[in-house]
Protein backbone atom coordinates (compact mmCIF):
# COMPACT_ATOMS: atom_id res chain seq x y z
CA MET A 1 90.19 76.14 80.34
CA SER A 2 91.98 79.54 80.63
CA PHE A 3 90.48 80.07 84.11
CA ARG A 4 91.87 76.69 85.22
CA VAL A 5 95.33 77.54 83.85
CA SER A 6 95.31 80.99 85.43
CA LEU A 7 94.22 79.51 88.75
CA LEU A 8 97.01 76.94 88.62
CA LEU A 9 99.53 79.68 87.89
CA VAL A 10 98.25 81.72 90.86
CA LEU A 11 98.30 78.75 93.16
CA ALA A 12 101.78 77.80 92.00
CA SER A 13 103.00 81.32 92.77
CA THR A 14 101.36 81.27 96.21
CA SER A 15 102.73 77.86 97.08
CA SER A 16 106.21 79.04 96.34
CA CYS A 17 105.95 82.21 98.41
CA ARG A 18 107.58 80.84 101.54
CA PRO A 19 111.18 81.83 102.43
CA THR A 20 113.93 79.89 100.77
CA ASP A 21 116.12 79.65 103.91
CA HIS A 22 116.34 75.87 104.27
CA ALA A 23 118.06 76.14 107.68
CA VAL A 24 114.71 77.19 109.14
CA ALA A 25 111.82 74.77 109.27
CA HIS A 26 108.80 76.00 107.36
CA THR A 27 105.36 74.41 107.46
CA ASP A 28 102.74 74.81 104.79
CA THR A 29 99.25 75.01 106.20
CA MET A 30 95.99 73.95 104.63
CA HIS A 31 93.16 75.69 106.45
CA ILE A 32 89.92 74.84 104.81
CA SER A 33 87.05 75.71 107.05
CA SER A 34 83.70 77.23 106.39
CA ALA A 35 83.25 78.18 110.07
CA PRO A 36 84.73 81.45 111.32
CA PRO A 37 87.71 81.19 113.63
CA ASP A 38 87.32 80.96 117.39
CA SER A 39 83.99 79.11 117.24
CA ALA A 40 80.91 80.12 115.34
CA GLU A 41 80.49 83.47 117.10
CA ALA A 42 78.06 85.81 115.42
CA ALA A 43 79.03 89.37 114.70
CA GLY A 44 78.62 91.66 117.72
CA SER A 45 75.60 93.77 118.22
CA PRO A 46 75.85 97.54 117.38
CA GLY A 47 78.26 99.29 119.73
CA ALA A 48 79.39 96.02 121.37
CA PRO A 49 83.05 94.81 121.34
CA LEU A 50 84.20 92.95 118.29
CA THR A 51 83.83 89.19 118.03
CA SER A 52 85.41 86.74 115.57
CA GLY A 53 82.20 86.89 113.59
CA ASP A 54 82.89 90.52 112.82
CA PHE A 55 85.85 89.47 110.68
CA VAL A 56 83.82 87.31 108.24
CA VAL A 57 83.46 89.39 105.03
CA ALA A 58 81.54 88.00 102.07
CA GLY A 59 82.01 84.57 103.72
CA VAL A 60 85.81 84.94 103.80
CA HIS A 61 87.61 84.52 107.14
CA ALA A 62 91.05 83.92 108.64
CA LEU A 63 90.98 80.11 108.62
CA MET A 64 90.57 79.87 104.84
CA ASP A 65 93.26 79.11 102.29
CA SER A 66 93.29 80.16 98.67
CA MET A 67 91.35 77.10 97.48
CA ALA A 68 88.52 77.81 99.96
CA VAL A 69 88.40 81.46 98.78
CA VAL A 70 88.11 80.36 95.15
CA GLY A 71 85.43 77.90 96.12
CA LEU A 72 83.49 80.72 97.72
CA LEU A 73 84.15 83.73 95.48
CA GLY A 74 85.48 82.21 92.26
CA GLY A 75 88.76 83.24 90.69
CA PRO A 76 90.00 86.78 91.29
CA ASP A 77 89.67 89.51 88.66
CA SER A 78 93.40 90.22 89.05
CA VAL A 79 96.34 89.32 91.26
CA SER A 80 99.20 91.39 92.69
CA ILE A 81 102.27 89.94 94.44
CA ASN A 82 104.57 91.96 96.76
CA ASP A 83 107.60 91.11 98.86
CA ASP A 84 106.83 90.28 102.48
CA PHE A 85 109.24 92.59 104.41
CA ARG A 86 108.94 90.34 107.48
CA ALA A 87 110.42 87.25 105.76
CA PRO A 88 113.03 87.81 102.97
CA GLY A 89 112.04 85.74 99.92
CA ALA A 90 108.40 85.39 101.00
CA LYS A 91 105.50 87.04 99.17
CA LEU A 92 102.18 88.59 100.05
CA VAL A 93 99.52 87.87 97.44
CA SER A 94 96.46 90.09 96.91
CA TRP A 95 93.44 88.75 95.00
CA HIS A 96 91.34 91.56 93.60
CA TYR A 97 87.59 91.23 93.26
CA ARG A 98 84.93 93.87 92.65
CA ASP A 99 84.88 96.05 95.87
CA LEU A 100 87.06 93.49 97.73
CA ILE A 101 90.73 92.56 97.98
CA VAL A 102 91.71 89.26 99.74
CA LEU A 103 95.23 89.24 101.20
CA LEU A 104 96.96 85.85 101.28
CA GLY A 105 100.03 85.51 103.50
CA SER A 106 103.22 83.53 103.00
CA PHE A 107 101.54 80.29 104.02
CA ASN A 108 98.64 80.66 101.57
CA SER A 109 96.05 81.55 104.21
CA VAL A 110 93.86 84.64 104.46
CA GLY A 111 95.61 87.37 106.38
CA GLY A 112 93.04 90.12 105.80
CA VAL A 113 90.44 91.67 103.56
CA TRP A 114 90.10 95.21 102.17
CA ILE A 115 86.61 96.38 101.43
CA THR A 116 87.00 99.02 98.67
CA GLY A 117 83.49 99.59 97.40
CA PRO A 118 79.89 99.78 98.61
CA ALA A 119 78.77 96.34 97.29
CA VAL A 120 80.48 94.50 100.15
CA PRO A 121 79.30 95.27 103.76
CA THR A 122 80.92 94.20 107.03
CA ALA A 123 79.13 91.66 109.22
CA ARG A 124 77.42 94.56 111.01
CA GLY A 125 76.42 96.24 107.76
CA LEU A 126 79.00 99.01 107.41
CA LYS A 127 79.72 99.99 103.81
CA VAL A 128 82.07 102.25 101.91
CA GLY A 129 80.33 105.63 101.72
CA ASP A 130 78.75 105.44 105.23
CA THR A 131 79.26 108.34 107.60
CA GLN A 132 81.45 108.46 110.69
CA GLU A 133 78.29 108.62 112.77
CA ARG A 134 77.20 105.31 111.27
CA VAL A 135 80.57 103.73 112.16
CA LYS A 136 80.04 104.86 115.79
CA GLN A 137 76.52 103.50 115.80
CA LEU A 138 77.74 100.10 114.65
CA TYR A 139 81.13 99.84 116.42
CA GLY A 140 81.19 102.49 119.20
CA ALA A 141 83.99 105.00 119.73
CA PRO A 142 87.30 103.93 118.09
CA GLU A 143 89.98 102.43 120.28
CA ASP A 144 92.63 104.31 118.28
CA GLU A 145 92.65 107.19 115.81
CA PHE A 146 95.59 108.07 113.58
CA ALA A 147 95.90 109.96 110.30
CA GLY A 148 92.21 109.89 109.42
CA GLU A 149 91.74 106.21 110.35
CA TRP A 150 89.80 104.61 113.20
CA GLU A 151 90.88 101.26 114.60
CA TYR A 152 89.07 98.59 116.55
CA SER A 153 90.74 95.34 117.63
CA TYR A 154 89.90 91.74 118.68
CA GLN A 155 92.18 89.23 120.36
CA GLY A 156 91.27 85.70 119.34
CA ARG A 157 92.56 82.33 120.60
CA VAL A 158 93.22 81.11 117.08
CA THR A 159 93.65 84.33 115.09
CA GLY A 160 95.68 86.40 117.56
CA ARG A 161 95.22 90.14 117.34
CA ILE A 162 93.17 91.26 114.37
CA VAL A 163 91.84 94.71 113.56
CA LEU A 164 89.10 96.63 111.84
CA ARG A 165 90.65 99.73 110.36
CA VAL A 166 88.29 102.31 108.86
CA SER A 167 89.69 104.99 106.51
CA PHE A 168 87.71 108.18 105.85
CA LEU A 169 87.57 110.88 103.13
CA ASN A 170 85.44 113.94 103.80
CA GLY A 171 83.75 112.29 106.79
CA ARG A 172 82.70 109.15 104.90
CA VAL A 173 84.13 105.66 104.86
CA GLN A 174 86.62 105.39 102.00
CA SER A 175 87.81 101.79 102.72
CA LEU A 176 87.80 99.18 105.42
CA TYR A 177 90.52 96.70 106.38
CA LEU A 178 89.76 93.64 108.47
CA GLY A 179 92.59 91.28 109.50
CA HIS A 180 96.17 91.08 110.65
CA LEU A 181 98.38 94.14 110.53
CA TYR A 182 101.29 93.96 108.20
CA ASP A 183 102.79 97.41 108.90
C-alpha cells in the first residue's frame, strides 16, 4: 500500500512538471515501448560506431515513460526533483536505483541514465571500475575529451543527438551517462 501511494505521489509530481505558461501549447506524451528507439538495432560491436541499441541500459531506453520504467525496474529507492533551466516552471525528475539513476524530462519520458556502480553494465559490457583501455576496446577512441570525460555520440531519427559520456577517476570509469545532454 505505501509503495502504491509513493508511486502515485511521484507520478503526480512528474505529471505536473510541465511549464505553466498557458499561452504556449504543451503536449503530454505517453511513450510506452519495450523496443529501443530507431528500430530494434543491437548494440554495436566493439570499436564500432554507436547504435540506438547502445543506449538501452538495464532495459531502459529513450522511448519509455515513468510507468514503463516502474514496470521494468520497480519503484525507485529515492527521487530527486530539480528545476529545468530550459523551461521555467518545468522540472527534471531523477529516480535513484542501486547503481543507476533514471532521468525523466518535463514530459515524463526518459531523457538519460546515469550508471553509478558496477552492477549495471552498458550494452557492450562496460562497467564502473573498468580501465580507460577497456573503454577504447569497446567504443574506440573518444570523439571528444574534456575535463577527464570522454564522449561518444549517436544521431537517431527518433531520439536526436544522444551521447555516451564516460567520467574517470585515477584511470578507471567512475560513472557513465547515456542520453540527451542537459548542460
